[in-house]
Amino acid sequence: MGKRLMWILWPSFLVGGAAEAVFFTLIDPQELYLLGEPVHWSPTAVYSVGFFLFWMIAAASSAFTCFLQRSATDVNQQG
């Protein structure tokens, strides 16, 4: 289980960092709006929340990939 968790978290960490870099290169954190209201957080808070959101999305993608790679034996195994 630990090995599979690292297969999910490490690549998604790298993708989350790259996605944040690209996103915040194009978007100023002080000009973000959430549900029609301007976000009044510090730039550091916006960068942190953005990174964790990108990491979470990438981790979900990696977890789904690991789920789809299971063999028929793993799927049909009881216990």
PDB file of N, CA and C in Angstrom:
ATOM      1  N   MET A   1       0.824  -1.201   0.000  1.00  0.00           N
ATOM      2  CA  MET A   1       0.000   0.000   0.000  1.00  0.00           C
ATOM      3  C   MET A   1       0.864   1.258   0.000  1.00  0.00           C
ATOM      4  N   GLY A   2       1.963   1.240   0.756  1.00  0.00           N
ATOM      5  CA  GLY A   2       2.841   2.407   0.833  1.00  0.00           C
ATOM      6  C   GLY A   2       3.474   2.747  -0.504  1.00  0.00           C
ATOM      7  N   LYS A   3       3.850   1.704  -1.248  1.00  0.00           N
ATOM      8  CA  LYS A   3       4.456   1.929  -2.560  1.00  0.00           C
ATOM      9  C   LYS A   3       3.441   2.561  -3.514  1.00  0.00           C
ATOM     10  N   ARG A   4       2.225   2.069  -3.490  1.00  0.00           N
ATOM     11  CA  ARG A   4       1.185   2.615  -4.363  1.00  0.00           C
ATOM     12  C   ARG A   4       0.868   4.062  -3.988  1.00  0.00           C
ATOM     13  N   LEU A   5       0.880   4.367  -2.697  1.00  0.00           N
ATOM     14  CA  LEU A   5       0.640   5.733  -2.252  1.00  0.00           C
ATOM     15  C   LEU A   5       1.719   6.673  -2.777  1.00  0.00           C
ATOM     16  N   MET A   6       2.960   6.227  -2.804  1.00  0.00           N
ATOM     17  CA  MET A   6       4.042   7.048  -3.357  1.00  0.00           C
ATOM     18  C   MET A   6       3.906   7.189  -4.869  1.00  0.00           C
ATOM     19  N   TRP A   7       3.388   6.164  -5.534  1.00  0.00           N
ATOM     20  CA  TRP A   7       3.136   6.268  -6.980  1.00  0.00           C
ATOM     21  C   TRP A   7       2.088   7.331  -7.266  1.00  0.00           C
ATOM     22  N   ILE A   8       1.209   7.560  -6.322  1.00  0.00           N
ATOM     23  CA  ILE A   8       0.156   8.565  -6.493  1.00  0.00           C
ATOM     24  C   ILE A   8       0.643   9.950  -6.081  1.00  0.00           C
ATOM     25  N   LEU A   9       1.243  10.056  -4.891  1.00  0.00           N
ATOM     26  CA  LEU A   9       1.550  11.370  -4.322  1.00  0.00           C
ATOM     27  C   LEU A   9       2.758  12.064  -4.947  1.00  0.00           C
ATOM     28  N   TRP A  10       3.813  11.328  -5.275  1.00  0.00           N
ATOM     29  CA  TRP A  10       5.010  11.993  -5.784  1.00  0.00           C
ATOM     30  C   TRP A  10       4.794  12.609  -7.172  1.00  0.00           C
ATOM     31  N   PRO A  11       4.284  11.871  -8.161  1.00  0.00           N
ATOM     32  CA  PRO A  11       4.053  12.523  -9.459  1.00  0.00           C
ATOM     33  C   PRO A  11       3.025  13.648  -9.371  1.00  0.00           C
ATOM     34  N   SER A  12       1.995  13.463  -8.545  1.00  0.00           N
ATOM     35  CA  SER A  12       0.982  14.509  -8.429  1.00  0.00           C
ATOM     36  C   SER A  12       1.547  15.754  -7.746  1.00  0.00           C
ATOM     37  N   PHE A  13       2.513  15.591  -6.848  1.00  0.00           N
ATOM     38  CA  PHE A  13       3.197  16.729  -6.234  1.00  0.00           C
ATOM     39  C   PHE A  13       3.936  17.541  -7.301  1.00  0.00           C
ATOM     40  N   LEU A  14       4.638  16.851  -8.180  1.00  0.00           N
ATOM     41  CA  LEU A  14       5.371  17.533  -9.248  1.00  0.00           C
ATOM     42  C   LEU A  14       4.414  18.231 -10.220  1.00  0.00           C
ATOM     43  N   VAL A  15       3.333  17.561 -10.579  1.00  0.00           N
ATOM     44  CA  VAL A  15       2.352  18.160 -11.485  1.00  0.00           C
ATOM     45  C   VAL A  15       1.658  19.343 -10.811  1.00  0.00           C
ATOM     46  N   GLY A  16       1.345  19.219  -9.532  1.00  0.00           N
ATOM     47  CA  GLY A  16       0.734  20.321  -8.799  1.00  0.00           C
ATOM     48  C   GLY A  16       1.625  21.550  -8.779  1.00  0.00           C
ATOM     49  N   GLY A  17       2.927  21.336  -8.561  1.00  0.00           N
ATOM     50  CA  GLY A  17       3.875  22.455  -8.577  1.00  0.00           C
ATOM     51  C   GLY A  17       3.977  23.098  -9.946  1.00  0.00           C
ATOM     52  N   ALA A  18       4.023  22.281 -10.983  1.00  0.00           N
ATOM     53  CA  ALA A  18       4.103  22.822 -12.344  1.00  0.00           C
ATOM     54  C   ALA A  18       2.818  23.559 -12.718  1.00  0.00           C
ATOM     55  N   ALA A  19       1.676  23.001 -12.353  1.00  0.00           N
ATOM     56  CA  ALA A  19       0.397  23.646 -12.662  1.00  0.00           C
ATOM     57  C   ALA A  19       0.276  24.987 -11.943  1.00  0.00           C
ATOM     58  N   GLU A  20       0.722  25.024 -10.694  1.00  0.00           N
ATOM     59  CA  GLU A  20       0.674  26.287  -9.954  1.00  0.00           C
ATOM     60  C   GLU A  20       1.581  27.330 -10.599  1.00  0.00           C
ATOM     61  N   ALA A  21       2.765  26.910 -11.001  1.00  0.00           N
ATOM     62  CA  ALA A  21       3.698  27.849 -11.637  1.00  0.00           C
ATOM     63  C   ALA A  21       3.102  28.427 -12.917  1.00  0.00           C
ATOM     64  N   VAL A  22       2.506  27.585 -13.740  1.00  0.00           N
ATOM     65  CA  VAL A  22       1.908  28.060 -14.984  1.00  0.00           C
ATOM     66  C   VAL A  22       0.696  28.956 -14.696  1.00  0.00           C
ATOM     67  N   PHE A  23      -0.170  28.522 -13.793  1.00  0.00           N
ATOM     68  CA  PHE A  23      -1.385  29.280 -13.490  1.00  0.00           C
ATOM     69  C   PHE A  23      -1.059  30.665 -12.940  1.00  0.00           C
ATOM     70  N   PHE A  24      -0.159  30.722 -11.956  1.00  0.00           N
ATOM     71  CA  PHE A  24       0.125  32.009 -11.329  1.00  0.00           C
ATOM     72  C   PHE A  24       1.131  32.849 -12.121  1.00  0.00           C
ATOM     73  N   THR A  25       1.690  32.288 -13.177  1.00  0.00           N
ATOM     74  CA  THR A  25       2.435  33.113 -14.123  1.00  0.00           C
ATOM     75  C   THR A  25       1.465  33.942 -14.952  1.00  0.00           C
ATOM     76  N   LEU A  26       0.284  33.379 -15.203  1.00  0.00           N
ATOM     77  CA  LEU A  26      -0.715  34.050 -16.025  1.00  0.00           C
ATOM     78  C   LEU A  26      -1.726  34.862 -15.212  1.00  0.00           C
ATOM     79  N   ILE A  27      -1.965  34.492 -13.956  1.00  0.00           N
ATOM     80  CA  ILE A  27      -3.012  35.102 -13.132  1.00  0.00           C
ATOM     81  C   ILE A  27      -2.380  35.744 -11.893  1.00  0.00           C
ATOM     82  N   ASP A  28      -2.735  36.996 -11.625  1.00  0.00           N
ATOM     83  CA  ASP A  28      -2.285  37.683 -10.417  1.00  0.00           C
ATOM     84  C   ASP A  28      -3.180  37.258  -9.253  1.00  0.00           C
ATOM     85  N   PRO A  29      -2.602  36.779  -8.138  1.00  0.00           N
ATOM     86  CA  PRO A  29      -3.437  36.303  -7.030  1.00  0.00           C
ATOM     87  C   PRO A  29      -4.318  37.396  -6.421  1.00  0.00           C
ATOM     88  N   GLN A  30      -3.950  38.648  -6.579  1.00  0.00           N
ATOM     89  CA  GLN A  30      -4.757  39.739  -6.031  1.00  0.00           C
ATOM     90  C   GLN A  30      -5.958  40.067  -6.910  1.00  0.00           C
ATOM     91  N   GLU A  31      -6.040  39.481  -8.107  1.00  0.00           N
ATOM     92  CA  GLU A  31      -7.149  39.726  -9.019  1.00  0.00           C
ATOM     93  C   GLU A  31      -8.103  38.538  -9.125  1.00  0.00           C
ATOM     94  N   LEU A  32      -7.993  37.583  -8.210  1.00  0.00           N
ATOM     95  CA  LEU A  32      -8.866  36.410  -8.238  1.00  0.00           C
ATOM     96  C   LEU A  32     -10.217  36.720  -7.613  1.00  0.00           C
ATOM     97  N   TYR A  33     -11.247  36.088  -8.156  1.00  0.00           N
ATOM     98  CA  TYR A  33     -12.598  36.205  -7.616  1.00  0.00           C
ATOM     99  C   TYR A  33     -13.094  34.815  -7.267  1.00  0.00           C
ATOM    100  N   LEU A  34     -13.806  34.703  -6.142  1.00  0.00           N
ATOM    101  CA  LEU A  34     -14.389  33.439  -5.705  1.00  0.00           C
ATOM    102  C   LEU A  34     -15.875  33.681  -5.484  1.00  0.00           C
ATOM    103  N   LEU A  35     -16.715  33.024  -6.273  1.00  0.00           N
ATOM    104  CA  LEU A  35     -18.171  33.182  -6.211  1.00  0.00           C
ATOM    105  C   LEU A  35     -18.596  34.638  -6.386  1.00  0.00           C
ATOM    106  N   GLY A  36     -17.925  35.328  -7.289  1.00  0.00           N
ATOM    107  CA  GLY A  36     -18.274  36.695  -7.612  1.00  0.00           C
ATOM    108  C   GLY A  36     -17.703  37.757  -6.684  1.00  0.00           C
ATOM    109  N   GLU A  37     -16.999  37.344  -5.645  1.00  0.00           N
ATOM    110  CA  GLU A  37     -16.406  38.279  -4.688  1.00  0.00           C
ATOM    111  C   GLU A  37     -14.888  38.225  -4.806  1.00  0.00           C
ATOM    112  N   PRO A  38     -14.211  39.368  -4.688  1.00  0.00           N
ATOM    113  CA  PRO A  38     -12.743  39.336  -4.730  1.00  0.00           C
ATOM    114  C   PRO A  38     -12.177  38.597  -3.519  1.00  0.00           C
ATOM    115  N   VAL A  39     -11.102  37.883  -3.751  1.00  0.00           N
ATOM    116  CA  VAL A  39     -10.429  37.146  -2.679  1.00  0.00           C
ATOM    117  C   VAL A  39      -9.515  38.124  -1.947  1.00  0.00           C
ATOM    118  N   HIS A  40      -9.713  38.257  -0.647  1.00  0.00           N
ATOM    119  CA  HIS A  40      -8.919  39.191   0.149  1.00  0.00           C
ATOM    120  C   HIS A  40      -7.908  38.448   1.015  1.00  0.00           C
ATOM    121  N   TRP A  41      -7.217  37.493   0.445  1.00  0.00           N
ATOM    122  CA  TRP A  41      -6.190  36.743   1.158  1.00  0.00           C
ATOM    123  C   TRP A  41      -4.832  37.292   0.755  1.00  0.00           C
ATOM    124  N   SER A  42      -3.837  36.975   1.560  1.00  0.00           N
ATOM    125  CA  SER A  42      -2.472  37.366   1.195  1.00  0.00           C
ATOM    126  C   SER A  42      -2.035  36.529  -0.006  1.00  0.00           C
ATOM    127  N   PRO A  43      -1.084  37.044  -0.789  1.00  0.00           N
ATOM    128  CA  PRO A  43      -0.599  36.249  -1.932  1.00  0.00           C
ATOM    129  C   PRO A  43      -0.061  34.881  -1.510  1.00  0.00           C
ATOM    130  N   THR A  44       0.602  34.808  -0.359  1.00  0.00           N
ATOM    131  CA  THR A  44       1.127  33.522   0.115  1.00  0.00           C
ATOM    132  C   THR A  44      -0.003  32.534   0.375  1.00  0.00           C
ATOM    133  N   ALA A  45      -1.105  32.991   0.960  1.00  0.00           N
ATOM    134  CA  ALA A  45      -2.245  32.108   1.215  1.00  0.00           C
ATOM    135  C   ALA A  45      -2.861  31.635  -0.101  1.00  0.00           C
ATOM    136  N   VAL A  46      -2.969  32.526  -1.074  1.00  0.00           N
ATOM    137  CA  VAL A  46      -3.533  32.147  -2.374  1.00  0.00           C
ATOM    138  C   VAL A  46      -2.637  31.126  -3.063  1.00  0.00           C
ATOM    139  N   TYR A  47      -1.322  31.342  -3.026  1.00  0.00           N
ATOM    140  CA  TYR A  47      -0.392  30.389  -3.633  1.00  0.00           C
ATOM    141  C   TYR A  47      -0.483  29.033  -2.935  1.00  0.00           C
ATOM    142  N   SER A  48      -0.577  29.034  -1.616  1.00  0.00           N
ATOM    143  CA  SER A  48      -0.640  27.778  -0.862  1.00  0.00           C
ATOM    144  C   SER A  48      -1.911  27.003  -1.161  1.00  0.00           C
ATOM    145  N   VAL A  49      -3.047  27.684  -1.102  1.00  0.00           N
ATOM    146  CA  VAL A  49      -4.319  27.017  -1.391  1.00  0.00           C
ATOM    147  C   VAL A  49      -4.342  26.534  -2.843  1.00  0.00           C
ATOM    148  N   GLY A  50      -3.836  27.357  -3.751  1.00  0.00           N
ATOM    149  CA  GLY A  50      -3.774  26.959  -5.153  1.00  0.00           C
ATOM    150  C   GLY A  50      -2.932  25.707  -5.358  1.00  0.00           C
ATOM    151  N   PHE A  51      -1.769  25.664  -4.699  1.00  0.00           N
ATOM    152  CA  PHE A  51      -0.912  24.486  -4.833  1.00  0.00           C
ATOM    153  C   PHE A  51      -1.627  23.240  -4.336  1.00  0.00           C
ATOM    154  N   PHE A  52      -2.245  23.320  -3.150  1.00  0.00           N
ATOM    155  CA  PHE A  52      -2.910  22.140  -2.612  1.00  0.00           C
ATOM    156  C   PHE A  52      -4.103  21.716  -3.462  1.00  0.00           C
ATOM    157  N   LEU A  53      -4.806  22.654  -4.062  1.00  0.00           N
ATOM    158  CA  LEU A  53      -5.897  22.281  -4.968  1.00  0.00           C
ATOM    159  C   LEU A  53      -5.372  21.588  -6.226  1.00  0.00           C
ATOM    160  N   PHE A  54      -4.312  22.144  -6.818  1.00  0.00           N
ATOM    161  CA  PHE A  54      -3.721  21.500  -7.998  1.00  0.00           C
ATOM    162  C   PHE A  54      -3.169  20.121  -7.639  1.00  0.00           C
ATOM    163  N   TRP A  55      -2.547  20.006  -6.464  1.00  0.00           N
ATOM    164  CA  TRP A  55      -1.995  18.718  -6.016  1.00  0.00           C
ATOM    165  C   TRP A  55      -3.126  17.714  -5.830  1.00  0.00           C
ATOM    166  N   MET A  56      -4.240  18.136  -5.237  1.00  0.00           N
ATOM    167  CA  MET A  56      -5.369  17.252  -5.003  1.00  0.00           C
ATOM    168  C   MET A  56      -5.957  16.756  -6.329  1.00  0.00           C
ATOM    169  N   ILE A  57      -6.093  17.641  -7.298  1.00  0.00           N
ATOM    170  CA  ILE A  57      -6.628  17.245  -8.609  1.00  0.00           C
ATOM    171  C   ILE A  57      -5.682  16.254  -9.292  1.00  0.00           C
ATOM    172  N   ALA A  58      -4.391  16.529  -9.239  1.00  0.00           N
ATOM    173  CA  ALA A  58      -3.421  15.619  -9.852  1.00  0.00           C
ATOM    174  C   ALA A  58      -3.378  14.282  -9.113  1.00  0.00           C
ATOM    175  N   ALA A  59      -3.520  14.300  -7.788  1.00  0.00           N
ATOM    176  CA  ALA A  59      -3.531  13.053  -7.016  1.00  0.00           C
ATOM    177  C   ALA A  59      -4.762  12.214  -7.366  1.00  0.00           C
ATOM    178  N   ALA A  60      -5.895  12.857  -7.559  1.00  0.00           N
ATOM    179  CA  ALA A  60      -7.100  12.121  -7.961  1.00  0.00           C
ATOM    180  C   ALA A  60      -6.891  11.458  -9.317  1.00  0.00           C
ATOM    181  N   SER A  61      -6.239  12.159 -10.225  1.00  0.00           N
ATOM    182  CA  SER A  61      -5.946  11.585 -11.540  1.00  0.00           C
ATOM    183  C   SER A  61      -5.000  10.390 -11.421  1.00  0.00           C
ATOM    184  N   SER A  62      -3.958  10.534 -10.621  1.00  0.00           N
ATOM    185  CA  SER A  62      -3.005   9.432 -10.428  1.00  0.00           C
ATOM    186  C   SER A  62      -3.663   8.245  -9.736  1.00  0.00           C
ATOM    187  N   ALA A  63      -4.520   8.509  -8.751  1.00  0.00           N
ATOM    188  CA  ALA A  63      -5.212   7.421  -8.054  1.00  0.00           C
ATOM    189  C   ALA A  63      -6.140   6.671  -9.005  1.00  0.00           C
ATOM    190  N   PHE A  64      -6.810   7.404  -9.873  1.00  0.00           N
ATOM    191  CA  PHE A  64      -7.696   6.768 -10.845  1.00  0.00           C
ATOM    192  C   PHE A  64      -6.882   5.907 -11.811  1.00  0.00           C
ATOM    193  N   THR A  65      -5.707   6.377 -12.206  1.00  0.00           N
ATOM    194  CA  THR A  65      -4.832   5.585 -13.076  1.00  0.00           C
ATOM    195  C   THR A  65      -4.418   4.294 -12.380  1.00  0.00           C
ATOM    196  N   CYS A  66      -4.018   4.381 -11.104  1.00  0.00           N
ATOM    197  CA  CYS A  66      -3.656   3.167 -10.353  1.00  0.00           C
ATOM    198  C   CYS A  66      -4.844   2.224 -10.215  1.00  0.00           C
ATOM    199  N   PHE A  67      -6.026   2.787 -10.011  1.00  0.00           N
ATOM    200  CA  PHE A  67      -7.237   1.971  -9.910  1.00  0.00           C
ATOM    201  C   PHE A  67      -7.480   1.203 -11.205  1.00  0.00           C
ATOM    202  N   LEU A  68      -7.293   1.846 -12.339  1.00  0.00           N
ATOM    203  CA  LEU A  68      -7.534   1.204 -13.625  1.00  0.00           C
ATOM    204  C   LEU A  68      -6.448   0.199 -13.996  1.00  0.00           C
ATOM    205  N   GLN A  69      -5.284   0.252 -13.367  1.00  0.00           N
ATOM    206  CA  GLN A  69      -4.194  -0.670 -13.680  1.00  0.00           C
ATOM    207  C   GLN A  69      -4.275  -1.980 -12.911  1.00  0.00           C
ATOM    208  N   ARG A  70      -5.265  -2.135 -12.053  1.00  0.00           N
ATOM    209  CA  ARG A  70      -5.370  -3.373 -11.284  1.00  0.00           C
ATOM    210  C   ARG A  70      -5.658  -4.545 -12.217  1.00  0.00           C
ATOM    211  N   SER A  71      -5.093  -5.685 -11.875  1.00  0.00           N
ATOM    212  CA  SER A  71      -5.321  -6.886 -12.684  1.00  0.00           C
ATOM    213  C   SER A  71      -6.648  -7.521 -12.290  1.00  0.00           C
ATOM    214  N   ALA A  72      -7.084  -8.478 -13.095  1.00  0.00           N
ATOM    215  CA  ALA A  72      -8.330  -9.181 -12.797  1.00  0.00           C
ATOM    216  C   ALA A  72      -8.224  -9.935 -11.473  1.00  0.00           C
ATOM    217  N   THR A  73      -7.041 -10.452 -11.164  1.00  0.00           N
ATOM    218  CA  THR A  73      -6.827 -11.163  -9.899  1.00  0.00           C
ATOM    219  C   THR A  73      -7.001 -10.208  -8.724  1.00  0.00           C
ATOM    220  N   ASP A  74      -6.461  -9.000  -8.830  1.00  0.00           N
ATOM    221  CA  ASP A  74      -6.604  -8.015  -7.755  1.00  0.00           C
ATOM    222  C   ASP A  74      -8.063  -7.616  -7.569  1.00  0.00           C
ATOM    223  N   VAL A  75      -8.792  -7.477  -8.655  1.00  0.00           N
ATOM    224  CA  VAL A  75     -10.182  -7.051  -8.586  1.00  0.00           C
ATOM    225  C   VAL A  75     -11.043  -8.149  -7.958  1.00  0.00           C
ATOM    226  N   ASN A  76     -10.785  -9.399  -8.323  1.00  0.00           N
ATOM    227  CA  ASN A  76     -11.615 -10.519  -7.875  1.00  0.00           C
ATOM    228  C   ASN A  76     -11.161 -11.122  -6.544  1.00  0.00           C
ATOM    229  N   GLN A  77     -10.053 -10.652  -6.015  1.00  0.00           N
ATOM    230  CA  GLN A  77      -9.523 -11.177  -4.756  1.00  0.00           C
ATOM    231  C   GLN A  77     -10.433 -10.782  -3.596  1.00  0.00           C
ATOM    232  N   GLN A  78     -10.738 -11.731  -2.724  1.00  0.00           N
ATOM    233  CA  GLN A  78     -11.591 -11.454  -1.576  1.00  0.00           C
ATOM    234  C   GLN A  78     -10.717 -11.125  -0.380  1.00  0.00           C
ATOM    235  N   GLY A  79     -11.251 -10.274   0.483  1.00  0.00           N
ATOM    236  CA  GLY A  79     -10.547  -9.999   1.727  1.00  0.00           C
ATOM    237  C   GLY A  79     -10.054  -8.647   1.760  1.00  0.00           C
TER     238      GLY A  79
END
